Protein backbone atom coordinates (compact mmCIF):
# COMPACT_ATOMS: atom_id res chain seq x y z
CA MET A 1 78.85 -7.62 58.09
CA ALA A 2 82.50 -6.50 58.33
CA ASP A 3 81.75 -3.24 56.49
CA ALA A 4 78.86 -2.41 58.85
CA VAL A 5 80.99 -3.06 61.94
CA GLU A 6 83.90 -0.93 60.68
CA GLN A 7 81.55 1.98 59.89
CA SER A 8 80.17 1.90 63.44
CA GLY A 9 83.66 2.54 64.91
CA PRO A 10 85.21 1.10 68.10
CA GLY A 11 83.07 -1.46 69.86
CA GLY A 12 81.24 -2.29 66.63
CA GLN A 13 81.68 -6.03 67.08
CA THR A 14 80.18 -5.97 70.55
CA GLN A 15 77.19 -3.90 69.43
CA ALA A 16 76.58 -6.12 66.37
CA GLU A 17 76.70 -9.23 68.52
CA ALA A 18 74.32 -7.83 71.15
CA LYS A 19 71.76 -6.08 68.91
CA LEU A 20 71.90 -8.07 65.67
CA GLY A 21 73.00 -11.48 66.91
CA TRP A 22 76.00 -11.61 64.57
CA ALA A 23 78.75 -14.01 65.59
CA ARG A 24 82.18 -12.46 66.08
CA THR A 25 83.82 -15.30 64.18
CA SER A 26 81.76 -14.42 61.08
CA ILE A 27 82.58 -10.70 61.46
CA ARG A 28 86.30 -11.41 61.75
CA LEU A 29 86.15 -13.75 58.76
CA GLY A 30 84.65 -10.93 56.72
CA GLN A 31 87.36 -8.53 57.88
CA ARG A 32 90.10 -10.94 56.83
CA GLU A 33 88.42 -11.48 53.44
CA GLY A 34 88.29 -7.70 52.94
CA LYS A 35 91.97 -7.24 53.71
CA SER A 36 93.23 -10.19 51.66
CA GLY A 37 90.76 -9.99 48.78
CA ILE A 38 90.25 -13.76 49.00
CA ARG A 39 86.75 -15.12 49.67
CA CYS A 40 86.72 -18.14 51.98
CA GLY A 41 84.25 -20.97 51.35
CA SER A 42 82.79 -23.03 54.15
CA ALA A 43 83.55 -26.41 52.48
CA CYS A 44 81.12 -28.12 54.87
CA ASN A 45 80.39 -30.71 52.21
CA LEU A 46 84.04 -31.79 52.25
CA ARG A 47 84.05 -32.54 55.95
CA GLY A 48 83.25 -35.81 57.66
CA ARG A 49 83.12 -39.36 56.38
CA LYS A 50 81.72 -39.91 52.91
CA PRO A 51 78.68 -42.18 52.38
CA ILE A 52 79.29 -45.63 50.98
CA GLU A 53 77.86 -44.54 47.60
CA PHE A 54 80.84 -42.18 47.20
CA HIS A 55 83.26 -45.13 47.32
CA LEU A 56 80.98 -47.68 45.60
CA PRO A 57 78.86 -45.70 43.09
CA ASN A 58 77.16 -48.81 41.65
CA LEU A 59 76.23 -50.37 44.99
CA LEU A 60 72.58 -49.18 45.12
CA GLU A 61 71.81 -50.36 41.59
CA ASP A 62 73.51 -53.71 42.26
CA ILE A 63 71.45 -54.14 45.44
CA ARG A 64 68.27 -53.30 43.51
CA GLN A 65 69.02 -55.89 40.82
CA ILE A 66 69.72 -58.65 43.34
CA VAL A 67 66.88 -57.96 45.79
CA ASP A 68 64.26 -57.33 43.09
CA GLY A 69 63.95 -61.02 42.22
CA PHE A 70 63.34 -61.94 45.86
CA SER A 71 60.67 -59.32 46.56
CA GLN A 72 56.89 -59.49 46.67
CA THR A 73 54.09 -56.99 46.82
CA ASP A 74 51.40 -56.84 49.49
CA PRO A 75 48.95 -59.67 48.63
CA GLN A 76 45.98 -57.39 49.38
CA PHE A 77 47.36 -54.45 47.33
CA ARG A 78 46.89 -52.01 50.22
CA HIS A 79 50.17 -50.18 49.58
CA LYS A 80 53.10 -50.19 47.17
CA ARG A 81 55.87 -51.22 49.60
CA LEU A 82 57.83 -54.31 48.66
CA TYR A 83 58.74 -57.08 51.08
CA THR A 84 61.80 -59.24 50.55
CA ARG A 85 62.68 -62.67 51.85
CA LEU A 86 66.39 -61.95 51.27
CA THR A 87 68.39 -61.40 54.46
CA VAL A 88 71.30 -58.97 54.72
CA SER A 89 73.77 -61.85 55.11
CA GLU A 90 72.47 -63.45 51.91
CA LEU A 91 72.57 -60.08 50.14
CA ARG A 92 76.24 -59.72 51.10
CA ARG A 93 76.96 -63.20 49.74
CA GLN A 94 75.13 -62.43 46.48
CA LEU A 95 77.04 -59.14 46.04
CA ILE A 96 80.31 -61.01 46.34
CA ALA A 97 79.25 -63.91 44.11
CA GLN A 98 77.36 -62.03 41.39
CA LYS A 99 78.81 -58.52 41.37
CA ASP A 100 82.46 -59.36 42.21
CA TYR A 101 82.69 -57.17 45.31
CA ALA A 102 85.54 -57.86 47.72
CA ARG A 103 84.42 -58.82 51.21
CA GLU A 104 86.57 -56.08 52.74
CA GLU A 105 85.10 -53.23 50.66
CA LEU A 106 81.45 -53.90 51.50
CA PRO A 107 79.96 -51.87 54.38
CA ALA A 108 78.57 -53.22 57.64
CA ASP A 109 75.26 -55.12 57.80
CA GLU A 110 73.44 -52.12 59.26
CA THR A 111 74.49 -49.95 56.29
CA LEU A 112 73.25 -52.57 53.82
CA ARG A 113 70.00 -52.85 55.76
CA LEU A 114 69.46 -49.09 55.62
CA ARG A 115 70.17 -49.03 51.89
CA MET A 116 67.62 -51.82 51.30
CA ASN A 117 65.02 -49.83 53.26
CA ARG A 118 65.85 -46.69 51.32
CA LEU A 119 65.22 -48.55 48.04
CA GLY A 120 61.79 -49.62 49.33
CA PHE A 121 62.58 -53.24 50.20
CA ILE A 122 61.30 -53.84 53.72
CA LEU A 123 62.12 -57.00 55.66
CA LYS A 124 58.87 -57.70 57.46
CA LYS A 125 56.35 -60.47 57.84
CA VAL A 126 53.28 -59.76 55.71
CA GLU A 127 49.83 -61.07 56.49
CA LYS A 128 48.72 -63.82 54.14
CA SER A 129 52.20 -64.04 52.65
CA LYS A 130 52.82 -67.64 53.66
CA PRO A 131 52.01 -69.84 50.67
CA LEU A 132 49.41 -72.54 51.15
CA LYS A 133 51.59 -75.03 49.36
CA LYS A 134 55.28 -75.34 48.63
CA ILE A 135 56.14 -78.00 46.11
CA PRO A 136 59.55 -79.73 46.17
CA GLN A 137 60.67 -77.81 43.06
CA THR A 138 59.92 -74.32 44.47
CA ASN A 139 63.52 -73.41 45.31
CA ALA A 140 64.82 -74.82 42.01
CA ILE A 141 62.19 -72.80 40.10
CA PHE A 142 63.23 -69.57 41.81
CA GLU A 143 66.91 -70.27 41.07
CA GLN A 144 66.14 -70.89 37.39
CA LEU A 145 63.93 -67.79 37.28
CA ALA A 146 66.80 -65.66 38.58
CA ILE A 147 69.11 -67.03 35.89
CA ALA A 148 66.55 -66.51 33.11
CA ASN A 149 65.68 -62.94 34.18
CA GLN A 150 69.30 -61.88 34.55
CA SER A 151 70.09 -63.32 31.13
CA ALA A 152 67.15 -61.39 29.63
CA HIS A 153 68.30 -58.09 31.16
CA ALA A 154 71.85 -58.60 29.89
CA ASN A 155 70.78 -59.23 26.27
CA GLU A 156 69.36 -56.33 24.24
CA ALA A 157 67.77 -58.85 21.84
CA VAL A 158 65.51 -60.13 24.65
CA LEU A 159 62.48 -58.24 25.98
CA ARG A 160 61.26 -59.35 29.39
CA ILE A 161 57.49 -59.17 29.92
CA SER A 162 55.71 -59.80 33.20
CA MET A 163 52.05 -60.60 32.56
CA ASP A 164 49.11 -61.34 34.82
CA ALA A 165 45.33 -61.03 34.94
CA LYS A 166 44.08 -59.11 37.97
CA ALA A 167 41.01 -60.17 39.93
CA VAL A 168 37.73 -59.09 38.35
CA VAL A 169 36.50 -55.60 39.20
CA LYS A 170 32.82 -54.96 39.86
CA MET A 171 31.37 -51.89 38.15
CA GLY A 172 28.66 -49.77 39.71
CA GLU A 173 28.08 -47.14 42.38
CA LEU A 174 30.02 -49.16 44.92
CA SER A 175 32.30 -48.17 47.78
CA ARG A 176 35.83 -49.56 47.56
CA ASP A 177 36.93 -48.38 51.01
CA GLY A 178 39.00 -45.62 49.47
CA ARG A 179 39.27 -41.91 50.23
CA THR A 180 38.58 -38.87 48.09
CA ARG A 181 38.50 -35.11 48.65
CA ALA A 182 35.37 -34.71 46.54
CA PRO A 183 32.02 -35.53 48.22
CA THR A 184 31.15 -39.00 46.93
CA VAL A 185 28.16 -41.15 47.83
CA ALA A 186 27.93 -44.86 47.05
CA LEU A 187 25.14 -47.39 47.41
CA ASP A 188 24.72 -48.83 50.90
CA HIS A 189 24.55 -52.37 49.54
CA ASP A 190 26.67 -54.04 46.89
CA PHE A 191 24.98 -55.83 44.06
CA THR A 192 25.91 -58.19 41.26
CA GLY A 193 26.53 -56.16 38.13
CA ALA A 194 28.87 -55.94 35.16
CA MET A 195 32.49 -56.87 35.74
CA VAL A 196 35.78 -56.19 33.98
CA THR A 197 39.17 -57.92 34.27
CA PRO A 198 42.40 -55.89 33.96
CA MET A 199 45.06 -57.79 32.01
CA GLY A 200 48.49 -56.36 32.75
CA PHE A 201 51.81 -56.46 30.88
CA PHE A 202 54.80 -54.89 32.63
CA LEU A 203 58.23 -54.37 31.05
CA PRO A 204 60.71 -54.38 33.99
CA GLN A 205 63.66 -53.28 31.82
CA HIS A 206 61.83 -50.10 30.77
CA ASP A 207 59.31 -49.53 33.62
CA GLU A 208 56.43 -49.48 31.11
CA LEU A 209 52.96 -50.77 31.94
CA TYR A 210 50.23 -51.84 29.51
CA VAL A 211 46.74 -52.65 30.80
CA TYR A 212 43.95 -54.25 28.76
CA MET A 213 40.41 -54.13 30.15
CA VAL A 214 38.66 -57.33 29.08
CA THR A 215 35.21 -58.66 29.83
CA ARG A 216 36.44 -62.23 30.29
CA SER A 217 39.97 -63.60 30.68
CA THR A 218 40.57 -66.73 28.58
CA SER A 219 43.54 -68.30 26.83
CA ASP A 220 42.60 -66.64 23.53
CA CYS A 221 42.09 -63.31 25.27
CA GLN A 222 45.52 -63.34 26.91
CA VAL A 223 47.36 -64.20 23.69
CA ASP A 224 45.37 -61.59 21.74
CA CYS A 225 46.43 -58.96 24.28
CA LEU A 226 50.06 -60.12 24.00
CA GLU A 227 49.92 -59.86 20.20
CA ASN A 228 48.34 -56.40 20.43
CA LEU A 229 51.07 -55.30 22.83
CA TRP A 230 53.83 -56.49 20.51
CA HIS A 231 52.34 -54.95 17.37
CA SER A 232 51.83 -51.59 19.10
CA ALA A 233 55.23 -51.46 20.83
CA LYS A 234 57.64 -53.34 18.56
CA HIS A 235 58.83 -50.13 16.91
CA LYS A 236 60.47 -49.25 20.25
CA PHE A 237 62.47 -52.48 20.28
CA PRO A 238 63.91 -53.05 16.79
CA LEU A 239 66.64 -55.40 18.09
CA VAL A 240 64.33 -57.71 20.03
CA LYS A 241 64.13 -61.28 18.74
CA THR A 242 62.96 -63.03 21.92
CA LEU A 243 60.16 -62.40 24.40
CA ALA A 244 60.96 -63.66 27.92
CA ILE A 245 57.56 -63.92 29.63
CA ASN A 246 57.06 -64.27 33.40
CA MET A 247 53.64 -65.46 34.54
CA ASP A 248 51.88 -67.61 37.09
CA ASN A 249 50.58 -71.08 36.31
CA GLY A 250 46.92 -70.02 36.24
CA PRO A 251 44.12 -72.04 34.68
CA ASP A 252 44.01 -70.00 31.46
CA CYS A 253 47.76 -69.78 30.82
CA ASN A 254 49.49 -72.80 32.34
CA SER A 255 51.96 -74.72 30.23
CA TYR A 256 49.57 -77.62 29.64
CA ARG A 257 46.60 -75.47 28.63
CA THR A 258 46.17 -76.69 25.07
CA GLN A 259 44.58 -73.61 23.51
CA PHE A 260 47.06 -71.26 25.20
CA MET A 261 50.10 -73.17 23.98
CA LYS A 262 48.67 -73.51 20.47
CA ARG A 263 48.07 -69.76 20.24
CA LEU A 264 51.60 -69.02 21.46
CA VAL A 265 53.07 -71.39 18.88
CA ASP A 266 51.02 -69.66 16.16
CA PHE A 267 52.14 -66.24 17.41
CA SER A 268 55.78 -67.32 17.36
CA GLN A 269 55.48 -68.64 13.81
CA GLU A 270 53.72 -65.51 12.53
CA SER A 271 55.97 -62.97 14.25
CA GLY A 272 59.28 -64.81 13.94
CA LEU A 273 59.91 -64.33 17.65
CA THR A 274 61.32 -66.85 20.07
CA ILE A 275 59.16 -67.07 23.20
CA ASP A 276 60.67 -68.12 26.52
CA LEU A 277 58.07 -68.92 29.17
CA ALA A 278 59.10 -68.84 32.83
CA TYR A 279 56.41 -69.65 35.38
CA TYR A 280 56.38 -68.83 39.08
CA PRO A 281 55.68 -71.78 41.41
CA PRO A 282 52.19 -72.31 42.88
CA TYR A 283 51.01 -69.68 45.39
CA HIS A 284 54.06 -67.52 44.69
CA SER A 285 52.64 -65.33 41.93
CA LYS A 286 53.01 -62.29 44.22
CA TYR A 287 56.69 -62.30 43.26
CA ASN A 288 55.73 -61.54 39.65
CA PRO A 289 56.76 -57.88 39.03
CA VAL A 290 53.43 -56.90 37.43
CA GLU A 291 51.72 -57.61 40.76
CA ARG A 292 53.39 -54.47 42.16
CA CYS A 293 51.45 -52.32 39.72
CA TRP A 294 48.12 -53.67 40.95
CA GLY A 295 48.68 -52.24 44.43
CA ILE A 296 49.15 -48.76 42.96
CA LEU A 297 46.08 -49.18 40.75
CA GLU A 298 43.95 -50.29 43.72
CA ASN A 299 45.03 -47.31 45.82
CA HIS A 300 44.48 -45.00 42.86
CA TRP A 301 40.89 -45.89 42.07
CA ASN A 302 39.55 -47.03 45.46
CA GLY A 303 38.21 -43.52 46.11
CA SER A 304 36.41 -43.37 42.76
CA ILE A 305 33.03 -44.56 41.58
CA LEU A 306 33.60 -47.02 38.73
CA ASP A 307 30.08 -47.06 37.36
CA SER A 308 30.96 -47.70 33.71
CA ILE A 309 33.67 -49.27 31.59
CA GLU A 310 34.65 -45.79 30.40
CA ALA A 311 35.20 -44.72 34.03
CA VAL A 312 37.39 -47.78 34.62
CA VAL A 313 39.54 -47.07 31.56
CA ARG A 314 39.79 -43.35 32.34
CA CYS A 315 40.72 -43.93 35.96
CA ALA A 316 43.34 -46.56 35.12
CA SER A 317 44.85 -44.25 32.48
CA SER A 318 45.37 -41.50 35.05
CA MET A 319 47.46 -43.59 37.46
CA THR A 320 51.24 -43.35 37.31
CA TRP A 321 53.94 -45.96 37.65
CA LYS A 322 57.33 -44.35 38.36
CA GLY A 323 56.20 -41.12 36.75
CA GLN A 324 54.67 -42.69 33.63
CA HIS A 325 51.03 -43.24 32.74
CA PRO A 326 50.18 -46.77 31.57
CA VAL A 327 48.84 -47.55 28.13
CA VAL A 328 45.23 -48.65 28.74
CA LYS A 329 43.06 -50.27 26.08
CA LEU A 330 39.57 -51.72 26.10
CA ILE A 331 38.94 -55.13 24.53
CA ASP A 332 35.17 -55.40 24.16
CA ARG A 333 35.17 -58.80 22.46
CA VAL A 334 33.42 -61.55 24.45
CA TYR A 335 35.57 -64.70 24.40
CA GLU A 336 34.21 -68.21 24.53
CA LYS A 337 35.33 -70.27 27.50
CA GLY A 338 36.41 -73.89 27.47
CA VAL A 339 38.12 -73.91 24.05
CA ALA A 340 40.55 -76.86 23.99
CA LEU A 341 42.48 -79.04 21.56
CA GLY A 342 42.12 -82.76 21.09
CA LYS A 343 44.94 -85.14 21.91
CA VAL A 344 46.08 -85.54 18.30
CA ALA A 345 46.19 -81.78 17.67
CA MET A 346 47.96 -81.19 20.98
CA ARG A 347 50.68 -83.72 20.11
CA ALA A 348 51.55 -81.61 17.07
CA VAL A 349 51.74 -78.50 19.26
CA GLU A 350 53.75 -80.27 21.96
CA ALA A 351 56.31 -81.32 19.35
CA LYS A 352 57.18 -77.64 18.82
CA LEU A 353 57.75 -76.96 22.53
CA GLN A 354 61.20 -77.28 24.09
CA ARG A 355 60.69 -77.94 27.79
CA LEU A 356 63.50 -77.70 30.32
CA PRO A 357 64.24 -81.35 31.20
CA THR A 358 64.57 -80.75 34.95
CA LEU A 359 61.53 -78.41 35.22
CA PRO A 360 59.38 -79.17 32.15
CA ARG A 361 56.20 -77.62 33.50
CA TRP A 362 57.76 -74.28 34.38
CA PHE A 363 60.23 -73.37 31.62
CA ILE A 364 59.37 -73.69 27.92
CA THR A 365 60.98 -72.29 24.78
CA ILE A 366 59.04 -71.83 21.53
CA GLN A 367 61.14 -71.16 18.43
CA PRO A 368 59.51 -70.12 15.13
CA GLY A 369 61.48 -72.57 12.97
CA TYR A 370 61.94 -75.38 15.48
CA VAL A 371 61.60 -78.90 14.12
CA PRO A 372 61.98 -81.87 16.48
CA GLU A 373 64.94 -84.14 15.75
CA ARG A 374 62.73 -87.07 14.86
CA GLN A 375 61.07 -84.97 12.12
CA GLN A 376 64.31 -83.68 10.57
CA VAL A 377 65.48 -85.01 7.22
CA GLY A 378 67.55 -88.18 7.59
CA HIS A 379 65.80 -89.32 10.77
CA PRO A 380 63.25 -92.14 10.67
């Protein structure tokens, strides 16, 4: 710009400003650079007040870790936003208590609120989010869950697994109220046809998702899927000695389901793994991290026609969770329902379970070589 103005002679700045729209300050800057031989940078990025992340580089990750345990997905899986019951004031208190921040160095409440929104945690009332029942132990269960999950994340010998069986999916030429760019026609009436149940295993520490398509979810089915997951993925986790499993207290996997507990004890003995079970309280399973994947899956395949099991598996395999495709497998075995142990057999299984004294139904540890004290040598 300076060279062009100087070549045009006297009045060059005026002509350049009128005809080309060049600012005189920019022209004069170029002239000074030409005379001095020094190029001047704008340094706009050095001006103004720095964002809070510049002063506290770990703040966003610390907020994510704290808020994650208090967040739930949409119960109807209509979108992938997360809703949190944690207020900004409580978040500030948790940052000071857990992450050792000084009260003076933390930003204002509005800044924390904006950072929570940026991370995808929205403070909003969700339809159907109020649980039908809140037992007296609900708050204590959530507190113990937070301790157990934080301990699992801090120990490289522990692999945290969030598992859950999704609601059954009807197969056929049915409309799922989704949208698609390709012309798609579905039947005008739904009918009773074949169904499939997605069984999900989510690894929060690694953002990996494994989905098993089963014809019927039972206690044996869920443990078989867990064993298959471990055998196919254990080469990734050579240091893992403990599986910390989050789940809801459903009918097929609750802590007093005899066949489920027997199969877990057998799995622990065969694999040499310690299994820590941590259950969410009744009607609060939406806080289980794997539930967040179901919303993405629903939005992904609602515009498709799932007229066969192959279409279900193919469609589920093409979804992405944080940039990764899930591992999807089909389990075509038909499991028998109602398998249960007798009282005598269950007493032998119960003797190998270590239940948390204050919350025995919700937190159980299964160790491969555990022997109750009364059965050890030297005890009557």
